[in-house]
Amino acid sequence: MIEVTDQIALGEDEVTWKAVRASGPGGQHVNKTSTAVELRFDVRGSPSLPERVRARLYELAGSRLTQDGVIVLVAQGTRSQEMNRQEAVERLLDLIREAAKPPPPPRKKTKPSRAAKQKRVDSKVRRGSIKAMRGRVRGDD
């Protein structure tokens, strides 16, 4: 069992991963080893997730979610397959933990107070008068 939160734990069989070739530079070593890890987690078919977490996970996953409801994460940051696997699992757990948090309440619209409006107008008038005095100096000759 993979512990996500106090209430949520994933089964080992719910997460599948496969080793793939990493992209980018690396010399001869990169051509013969599969160090990158592709992790797949079926959100739609997971019995471990509550419905509200599942719905929020659909929103948060974005482009990492396939049309079949599977989250695909690719980790290729290190040259070690095991470290890439740990990184991918940690990223999945972070995503699920974020989905388990309740969404923030909607923003309440407010209007500026009359005093705030007056203060804004006063500062604009003051700034305008400063700029008005920047013209050429006219002599009374």
N, C-alpha and C. Protein backbone atom coordinates (compact mmCIF):
# COMPACT_ATOMS: atom_id res chain seq x y z
N MET A 1 0.83 -1.19 0.00
CA MET A 1 0.00 0.00 0.00
C MET A 1 0.88 1.25 0.00
N ILE A 2 0.46 2.21 -0.82
CA ILE A 2 1.14 3.50 -0.89
C ILE A 2 0.27 4.50 -0.15
N GLU A 3 0.77 5.02 0.98
CA GLU A 3 -0.01 5.95 1.79
C GLU A 3 0.06 7.35 1.19
N VAL A 4 -1.11 7.91 0.87
CA VAL A 4 -1.18 9.25 0.31
C VAL A 4 -1.51 10.23 1.42
N THR A 5 -2.66 10.05 2.07
CA THR A 5 -3.06 10.84 3.23
C THR A 5 -3.53 9.87 4.31
N ASP A 6 -4.08 10.41 5.40
CA ASP A 6 -4.59 9.54 6.46
C ASP A 6 -5.76 8.69 5.99
N GLN A 7 -6.58 9.26 5.07
CA GLN A 7 -7.77 8.56 4.61
C GLN A 7 -7.57 7.81 3.30
N ILE A 8 -6.55 8.18 2.53
CA ILE A 8 -6.37 7.61 1.19
C ILE A 8 -5.07 6.82 1.12
N ALA A 9 -5.18 5.59 0.65
CA ALA A 9 -4.01 4.75 0.40
C ALA A 9 -4.23 4.01 -0.92
N LEU A 10 -3.23 4.01 -1.77
CA LEU A 10 -3.33 3.35 -3.07
C LEU A 10 -2.73 1.96 -2.99
N GLY A 11 -3.31 1.02 -3.71
CA GLY A 11 -2.74 -0.31 -3.80
C GLY A 11 -1.55 -0.31 -4.76
N GLU A 12 -0.59 -1.18 -4.53
CA GLU A 12 0.59 -1.26 -5.40
C GLU A 12 0.19 -1.60 -6.84
N ASP A 13 -0.89 -2.37 -7.00
CA ASP A 13 -1.31 -2.79 -8.34
C ASP A 13 -2.04 -1.68 -9.12
N GLU A 14 -2.39 -0.57 -8.45
CA GLU A 14 -3.08 0.52 -9.13
C GLU A 14 -2.12 1.39 -9.94
N VAL A 15 -0.85 1.35 -9.58
CA VAL A 15 0.16 2.15 -10.25
C VAL A 15 1.01 1.23 -11.11
N THR A 16 1.07 1.51 -12.41
CA THR A 16 1.94 0.74 -13.29
C THR A 16 3.01 1.65 -13.83
N TRP A 17 4.18 1.10 -14.06
CA TRP A 17 5.27 1.89 -14.59
C TRP A 17 6.06 1.05 -15.56
N LYS A 18 6.69 1.75 -16.50
CA LYS A 18 7.58 1.04 -17.43
C LYS A 18 8.78 1.93 -17.70
N ALA A 19 9.90 1.30 -17.94
CA ALA A 19 11.14 2.02 -18.22
C ALA A 19 11.20 2.32 -19.72
N VAL A 20 11.54 3.57 -20.04
CA VAL A 20 11.66 3.99 -21.43
C VAL A 20 13.00 4.72 -21.59
N ARG A 21 13.38 4.93 -22.83
CA ARG A 21 14.63 5.62 -23.10
C ARG A 21 14.46 7.11 -22.81
N ALA A 22 15.44 7.68 -22.14
CA ALA A 22 15.41 9.10 -21.82
C ALA A 22 15.85 9.91 -23.04
N SER A 23 15.29 11.10 -23.17
CA SER A 23 15.71 11.98 -24.26
C SER A 23 16.85 12.86 -23.80
N GLY A 24 17.46 13.55 -24.73
CA GLY A 24 18.50 14.50 -24.39
C GLY A 24 19.89 13.92 -24.48
N PRO A 25 20.91 14.72 -24.13
CA PRO A 25 22.30 14.28 -24.26
C PRO A 25 22.66 13.23 -23.22
N GLY A 26 23.68 12.46 -23.49
CA GLY A 26 24.10 11.45 -22.54
C GLY A 26 25.17 10.54 -23.10
N GLY A 27 25.56 10.74 -24.32
CA GLY A 27 26.63 9.93 -24.90
C GLY A 27 26.16 8.52 -25.24
N GLN A 28 27.09 7.58 -25.24
CA GLN A 28 26.77 6.21 -25.63
C GLN A 28 25.86 5.53 -24.62
N HIS A 29 25.94 5.96 -23.36
CA HIS A 29 25.17 5.32 -22.29
C HIS A 29 23.66 5.44 -22.54
N VAL A 30 23.22 6.59 -23.04
CA VAL A 30 21.79 6.84 -23.21
C VAL A 30 21.19 5.97 -24.31
N ASN A 31 22.03 5.52 -25.24
CA ASN A 31 21.53 4.72 -26.35
C ASN A 31 21.26 3.27 -25.99
N LYS A 32 21.77 2.82 -24.85
CA LYS A 32 21.63 1.40 -24.52
C LYS A 32 20.90 1.13 -23.21
N THR A 33 20.50 2.18 -22.48
CA THR A 33 19.80 1.96 -21.21
C THR A 33 18.47 2.70 -21.19
N SER A 34 17.53 2.15 -20.49
CA SER A 34 16.21 2.78 -20.33
C SER A 34 16.10 3.28 -18.90
N THR A 35 16.49 4.52 -18.69
CA THR A 35 16.50 5.06 -17.32
C THR A 35 15.28 5.91 -17.02
N ALA A 36 14.62 6.45 -18.04
CA ALA A 36 13.41 7.24 -17.79
C ALA A 36 12.27 6.32 -17.39
N VAL A 37 11.35 6.85 -16.60
CA VAL A 37 10.23 6.05 -16.09
C VAL A 37 8.92 6.69 -16.51
N GLU A 38 8.01 5.89 -17.03
CA GLU A 38 6.66 6.35 -17.37
C GLU A 38 5.70 5.69 -16.40
N LEU A 39 5.06 6.50 -15.57
CA LEU A 39 4.13 5.99 -14.55
C LEU A 39 2.71 6.23 -15.03
N ARG A 40 1.84 5.23 -14.85
CA ARG A 40 0.44 5.35 -15.25
C ARG A 40 -0.44 5.03 -14.04
N PHE A 41 -1.46 5.88 -13.84
CA PHE A 41 -2.41 5.68 -12.75
C PHE A 41 -3.81 5.90 -13.29
N ASP A 42 -4.65 4.88 -13.20
CA ASP A 42 -6.02 4.92 -13.71
C ASP A 42 -6.92 5.58 -12.67
N VAL A 43 -7.24 6.84 -12.90
CA VAL A 43 -8.07 7.60 -11.96
C VAL A 43 -9.50 7.05 -11.98
N ARG A 44 -10.01 6.83 -13.17
CA ARG A 44 -11.40 6.39 -13.32
C ARG A 44 -11.63 5.02 -12.68
N GLY A 45 -10.64 4.12 -12.77
CA GLY A 45 -10.82 2.77 -12.26
C GLY A 45 -10.27 2.53 -10.87
N SER A 46 -9.83 3.57 -10.20
CA SER A 46 -9.23 3.40 -8.88
C SER A 46 -10.31 3.29 -7.79
N PRO A 47 -10.32 2.18 -7.04
CA PRO A 47 -11.28 2.05 -5.95
C PRO A 47 -10.87 2.82 -4.69
N SER A 48 -9.65 3.30 -4.64
CA SER A 48 -9.12 3.94 -3.44
C SER A 48 -9.51 5.41 -3.31
N LEU A 49 -9.91 6.04 -4.42
CA LEU A 49 -10.18 7.48 -4.38
C LEU A 49 -11.64 7.79 -4.10
N PRO A 50 -11.92 8.69 -3.17
CA PRO A 50 -13.29 9.17 -2.98
C PRO A 50 -13.72 9.98 -4.22
N GLU A 51 -15.01 10.09 -4.43
CA GLU A 51 -15.53 10.73 -5.64
C GLU A 51 -15.12 12.21 -5.75
N ARG A 52 -15.11 12.94 -4.63
CA ARG A 52 -14.76 14.35 -4.70
C ARG A 52 -13.28 14.53 -5.05
N VAL A 53 -12.42 13.64 -4.56
CA VAL A 53 -11.00 13.70 -4.89
C VAL A 53 -10.80 13.36 -6.36
N ARG A 54 -11.54 12.36 -6.84
CA ARG A 54 -11.44 11.96 -8.25
C ARG A 54 -11.84 13.12 -9.17
N ALA A 55 -12.92 13.82 -8.83
CA ALA A 55 -13.39 14.93 -9.67
C ALA A 55 -12.36 16.07 -9.67
N ARG A 56 -11.79 16.35 -8.52
CA ARG A 56 -10.80 17.43 -8.43
C ARG A 56 -9.51 17.02 -9.14
N LEU A 57 -9.17 15.75 -9.10
CA LEU A 57 -7.97 15.25 -9.77
C LEU A 57 -8.08 15.40 -11.28
N TYR A 58 -9.29 15.23 -11.81
CA TYR A 58 -9.51 15.46 -13.25
C TYR A 58 -9.16 16.90 -13.61
N GLU A 59 -9.53 17.86 -12.76
CA GLU A 59 -9.26 19.27 -13.02
C GLU A 59 -7.76 19.58 -12.91
N LEU A 60 -7.11 19.04 -11.88
CA LEU A 60 -5.71 19.38 -11.62
C LEU A 60 -4.73 18.69 -12.57
N ALA A 61 -5.09 17.53 -13.09
CA ALA A 61 -4.14 16.77 -13.91
C ALA A 61 -3.85 17.44 -15.24
N GLY A 62 -4.83 18.11 -15.80
CA GLY A 62 -4.61 18.84 -17.05
C GLY A 62 -4.19 17.95 -18.20
N SER A 63 -3.08 18.30 -18.85
CA SER A 63 -2.64 17.56 -20.04
C SER A 63 -2.03 16.21 -19.69
N ARG A 64 -1.80 15.94 -18.42
CA ARG A 64 -1.24 14.64 -18.02
C ARG A 64 -2.31 13.56 -17.99
N LEU A 65 -3.57 13.95 -18.14
CA LEU A 65 -4.69 13.01 -18.10
C LEU A 65 -5.10 12.64 -19.52
N THR A 66 -5.20 11.33 -19.79
CA THR A 66 -5.64 10.88 -21.11
C THR A 66 -7.16 10.86 -21.16
N GLN A 67 -7.70 10.61 -22.35
CA GLN A 67 -9.16 10.55 -22.51
C GLN A 67 -9.76 9.36 -21.78
N ASP A 68 -8.95 8.35 -21.50
CA ASP A 68 -9.42 7.17 -20.79
C ASP A 68 -9.40 7.35 -19.28
N GLY A 69 -8.98 8.53 -18.80
CA GLY A 69 -8.93 8.78 -17.37
C GLY A 69 -7.68 8.24 -16.71
N VAL A 70 -6.57 8.18 -17.45
CA VAL A 70 -5.31 7.67 -16.92
C VAL A 70 -4.32 8.82 -16.84
N ILE A 71 -3.70 8.99 -15.67
CA ILE A 71 -2.66 10.00 -15.52
C ILE A 71 -1.33 9.38 -15.93
N VAL A 72 -0.61 10.07 -16.81
CA VAL A 72 0.70 9.61 -17.28
C VAL A 72 1.75 10.62 -16.85
N LEU A 73 2.71 10.14 -16.06
CA LEU A 73 3.81 10.99 -15.60
C LEU A 73 5.13 10.39 -16.09
N VAL A 74 5.99 11.22 -16.67
CA VAL A 74 7.30 10.77 -17.14
C VAL A 74 8.37 11.47 -16.31
N ALA A 75 9.27 10.67 -15.72
CA ALA A 75 10.38 11.21 -14.93
C ALA A 75 11.68 10.76 -15.57
N GLN A 76 12.53 11.73 -15.92
CA GLN A 76 13.81 11.40 -16.53
C GLN A 76 14.90 12.34 -16.05
N GLY A 77 14.75 12.84 -14.83
CA GLY A 77 15.68 13.83 -14.32
C GLY A 77 17.03 13.28 -13.92
N THR A 78 17.09 12.01 -13.52
CA THR A 78 18.37 11.45 -13.07
C THR A 78 18.78 10.31 -14.00
N ARG A 79 19.99 9.82 -13.80
CA ARG A 79 20.48 8.71 -14.63
C ARG A 79 20.17 7.36 -13.99
N SER A 80 19.49 7.38 -12.85
CA SER A 80 19.13 6.15 -12.16
C SER A 80 17.65 5.86 -12.37
N GLN A 81 17.35 4.66 -12.82
CA GLN A 81 15.95 4.28 -13.04
C GLN A 81 15.16 4.29 -11.73
N GLU A 82 15.76 3.82 -10.67
CA GLU A 82 15.08 3.76 -9.37
C GLU A 82 14.77 5.16 -8.84
N MET A 83 15.70 6.08 -8.99
CA MET A 83 15.45 7.45 -8.53
C MET A 83 14.37 8.13 -9.36
N ASN A 84 14.35 7.85 -10.67
CA ASN A 84 13.29 8.38 -11.52
C ASN A 84 11.94 7.80 -11.13
N ARG A 85 11.93 6.54 -10.76
CA ARG A 85 10.67 5.90 -10.33
C ARG A 85 10.16 6.56 -9.05
N GLN A 86 11.06 6.79 -8.09
CA GLN A 86 10.66 7.45 -6.84
C GLN A 86 10.14 8.86 -7.11
N GLU A 87 10.79 9.57 -8.03
CA GLU A 87 10.35 10.93 -8.36
C GLU A 87 8.96 10.92 -8.98
N ALA A 88 8.69 9.97 -9.87
CA ALA A 88 7.38 9.89 -10.51
C ALA A 88 6.29 9.56 -9.50
N VAL A 89 6.57 8.64 -8.59
CA VAL A 89 5.59 8.28 -7.55
C VAL A 89 5.34 9.47 -6.64
N GLU A 90 6.39 10.20 -6.28
CA GLU A 90 6.23 11.37 -5.40
C GLU A 90 5.40 12.45 -6.09
N ARG A 91 5.60 12.66 -7.38
CA ARG A 91 4.81 13.64 -8.12
C ARG A 91 3.34 13.23 -8.17
N LEU A 92 3.08 11.93 -8.33
CA LEU A 92 1.70 11.45 -8.32
C LEU A 92 1.06 11.68 -6.95
N LEU A 93 1.80 11.36 -5.89
CA LEU A 93 1.26 11.55 -4.53
C LEU A 93 1.00 13.02 -4.24
N ASP A 94 1.89 13.91 -4.70
CA ASP A 94 1.67 15.35 -4.51
C ASP A 94 0.41 15.80 -5.22
N LEU A 95 0.19 15.28 -6.42
CA LEU A 95 -1.01 15.64 -7.19
C LEU A 95 -2.28 15.17 -6.48
N ILE A 96 -2.26 13.95 -5.94
CA ILE A 96 -3.43 13.42 -5.24
C ILE A 96 -3.65 14.17 -3.93
N ARG A 97 -2.57 14.50 -3.23
CA ARG A 97 -2.71 15.28 -1.97
C ARG A 97 -3.32 16.65 -2.25
N GLU A 98 -2.91 17.27 -3.35
CA GLU A 98 -3.47 18.57 -3.71
C GLU A 98 -4.95 18.44 -4.04
N ALA A 99 -5.33 17.34 -4.69
CA ALA A 99 -6.73 17.10 -5.03
C ALA A 99 -7.56 16.80 -3.78
N ALA A 100 -6.93 16.25 -2.76
CA ALA A 100 -7.66 15.90 -1.53
C ALA A 100 -7.98 17.14 -0.70
N LYS A 101 -7.23 18.22 -0.91
CA LYS A 101 -7.53 19.46 -0.17
C LYS A 101 -8.82 20.05 -0.72
N PRO A 102 -9.62 20.66 0.14
CA PRO A 102 -10.85 21.30 -0.37
C PRO A 102 -10.49 22.50 -1.23
N PRO A 103 -11.27 22.76 -2.28
CA PRO A 103 -10.96 23.92 -3.12
C PRO A 103 -11.18 25.22 -2.36
N PRO A 104 -10.46 26.27 -2.72
CA PRO A 104 -10.64 27.53 -2.01
C PRO A 104 -12.03 28.10 -2.27
N PRO A 105 -12.57 28.85 -1.30
CA PRO A 105 -13.91 29.43 -1.52
C PRO A 105 -13.86 30.47 -2.63
N PRO A 106 -14.97 30.69 -3.30
CA PRO A 106 -14.97 31.69 -4.37
C PRO A 106 -14.75 33.09 -3.81
N ARG A 107 -14.15 33.95 -4.61
CA ARG A 107 -13.83 35.31 -4.19
C ARG A 107 -15.10 36.12 -4.04
N LYS A 108 -15.16 36.90 -2.97
CA LYS A 108 -16.31 37.78 -2.75
C LYS A 108 -16.00 39.13 -3.39
N LYS A 109 -16.90 39.60 -4.23
CA LYS A 109 -16.69 40.89 -4.88
C LYS A 109 -16.92 42.00 -3.86
N THR A 110 -16.05 43.00 -3.88
CA THR A 110 -16.19 44.15 -2.99
C THR A 110 -16.06 45.42 -3.80
N LYS A 111 -16.61 46.50 -3.26
CA LYS A 111 -16.50 47.81 -3.89
C LYS A 111 -15.59 48.67 -3.03
N PRO A 112 -14.83 49.57 -3.66
CA PRO A 112 -14.02 50.47 -2.85
C PRO A 112 -14.92 51.42 -2.06
N SER A 113 -14.50 51.79 -0.86
CA SER A 113 -15.30 52.69 -0.03
C SER A 113 -15.27 54.11 -0.61
N ARG A 114 -16.19 54.95 -0.15
CA ARG A 114 -16.26 56.33 -0.61
C ARG A 114 -14.95 57.06 -0.26
N ALA A 115 -14.42 56.79 0.93
CA ALA A 115 -13.18 57.44 1.35
C ALA A 115 -12.01 57.02 0.44
N ALA A 116 -11.97 55.75 0.05
CA ALA A 116 -10.90 55.27 -0.83
C ALA A 116 -11.00 55.93 -2.20
N LYS A 117 -12.24 56.09 -2.72
CA LYS A 117 -12.43 56.77 -4.00
C LYS A 117 -11.97 58.23 -3.92
N GLN A 118 -12.33 58.90 -2.83
CA GLN A 118 -11.96 60.31 -2.66
C GLN A 118 -10.44 60.46 -2.54
N LYS A 119 -9.79 59.55 -1.82
CA LYS A 119 -8.34 59.59 -1.66
C LYS A 119 -7.66 59.42 -3.02
N ARG A 120 -8.19 58.52 -3.87
CA ARG A 120 -7.63 58.29 -5.20
C ARG A 120 -7.75 59.55 -6.06
N VAL A 121 -8.94 60.18 -6.04
CA VAL A 121 -9.14 61.40 -6.83
C VAL A 121 -8.24 62.52 -6.33
N ASP A 122 -8.11 62.67 -5.02
CA ASP A 122 -7.25 63.72 -4.46
C ASP A 122 -5.80 63.54 -4.89
N SER A 123 -5.32 62.30 -4.88
CA SER A 123 -3.93 62.06 -5.28
C SER A 123 -3.73 62.34 -6.76
N LYS A 124 -4.75 62.04 -7.59
CA LYS A 124 -4.66 62.35 -9.02
C LYS A 124 -4.63 63.86 -9.26
N VAL A 125 -5.46 64.60 -8.53
CA VAL A 125 -5.50 66.05 -8.67
C VAL A 125 -4.16 66.65 -8.24
N ARG A 126 -3.61 66.15 -7.13
CA ARG A 126 -2.33 66.64 -6.63
C ARG A 126 -1.23 66.37 -7.65
N ARG A 127 -1.22 65.18 -8.22
CA ARG A 127 -0.20 64.83 -9.21
C ARG A 127 -0.36 65.68 -10.48
N GLY A 128 -1.61 65.91 -10.87
CA GLY A 128 -1.88 66.75 -12.04
C GLY A 128 -1.40 68.17 -11.85
N SER A 129 -1.57 68.73 -10.65
CA SER A 129 -1.13 70.10 -10.40
C SER A 129 0.40 70.18 -10.42
N ILE A 130 1.07 69.15 -9.95
CA ILE A 130 2.53 69.12 -10.00
C ILE A 130 3.00 69.12 -11.46
N LYS A 131 2.35 68.34 -12.29
CA LYS A 131 2.72 68.27 -13.69
C LYS A 131 2.39 69.57 -14.43
N ALA A 132 1.32 70.23 -14.00
CA ALA A 132 0.94 71.49 -14.66
C ALA A 132 1.97 72.58 -14.43
N MET A 133 2.68 72.51 -13.32
CA MET A 133 3.68 73.54 -13.02
C MET A 133 5.00 73.29 -13.74
N ARG A 134 5.11 72.26 -14.56
CA ARG A 134 6.36 71.95 -15.25
C ARG A 134 6.55 72.70 -16.56
N GLY A 135 5.60 73.53 -16.95
CA GLY A 135 5.69 74.24 -18.23
C GLY A 135 6.82 75.25 -18.25
N ARG A 136 6.94 75.98 -19.34
CA ARG A 136 7.98 77.01 -19.47
C ARG A 136 7.70 78.15 -18.51
N VAL A 137 8.75 78.75 -18.09
CA VAL A 137 8.60 79.90 -17.20
C VAL A 137 8.34 81.12 -18.05
N ARG A 138 7.26 81.81 -17.79
CA ARG A 138 6.91 83.02 -18.55
C ARG A 138 7.35 84.22 -17.75
N GLY A 139 8.07 85.08 -18.36
CA GLY A 139 8.50 86.30 -17.67
C GLY A 139 7.48 87.40 -17.83
N ASP A 140 7.41 88.31 -16.89
CA ASP A 140 6.47 89.43 -16.96
C ASP A 140 7.14 90.64 -17.59
N ASP A 141 8.12 90.48 -18.45
CA ASP A 141 8.85 91.58 -19.10
C ASP A 141 8.00 92.45 -19.93
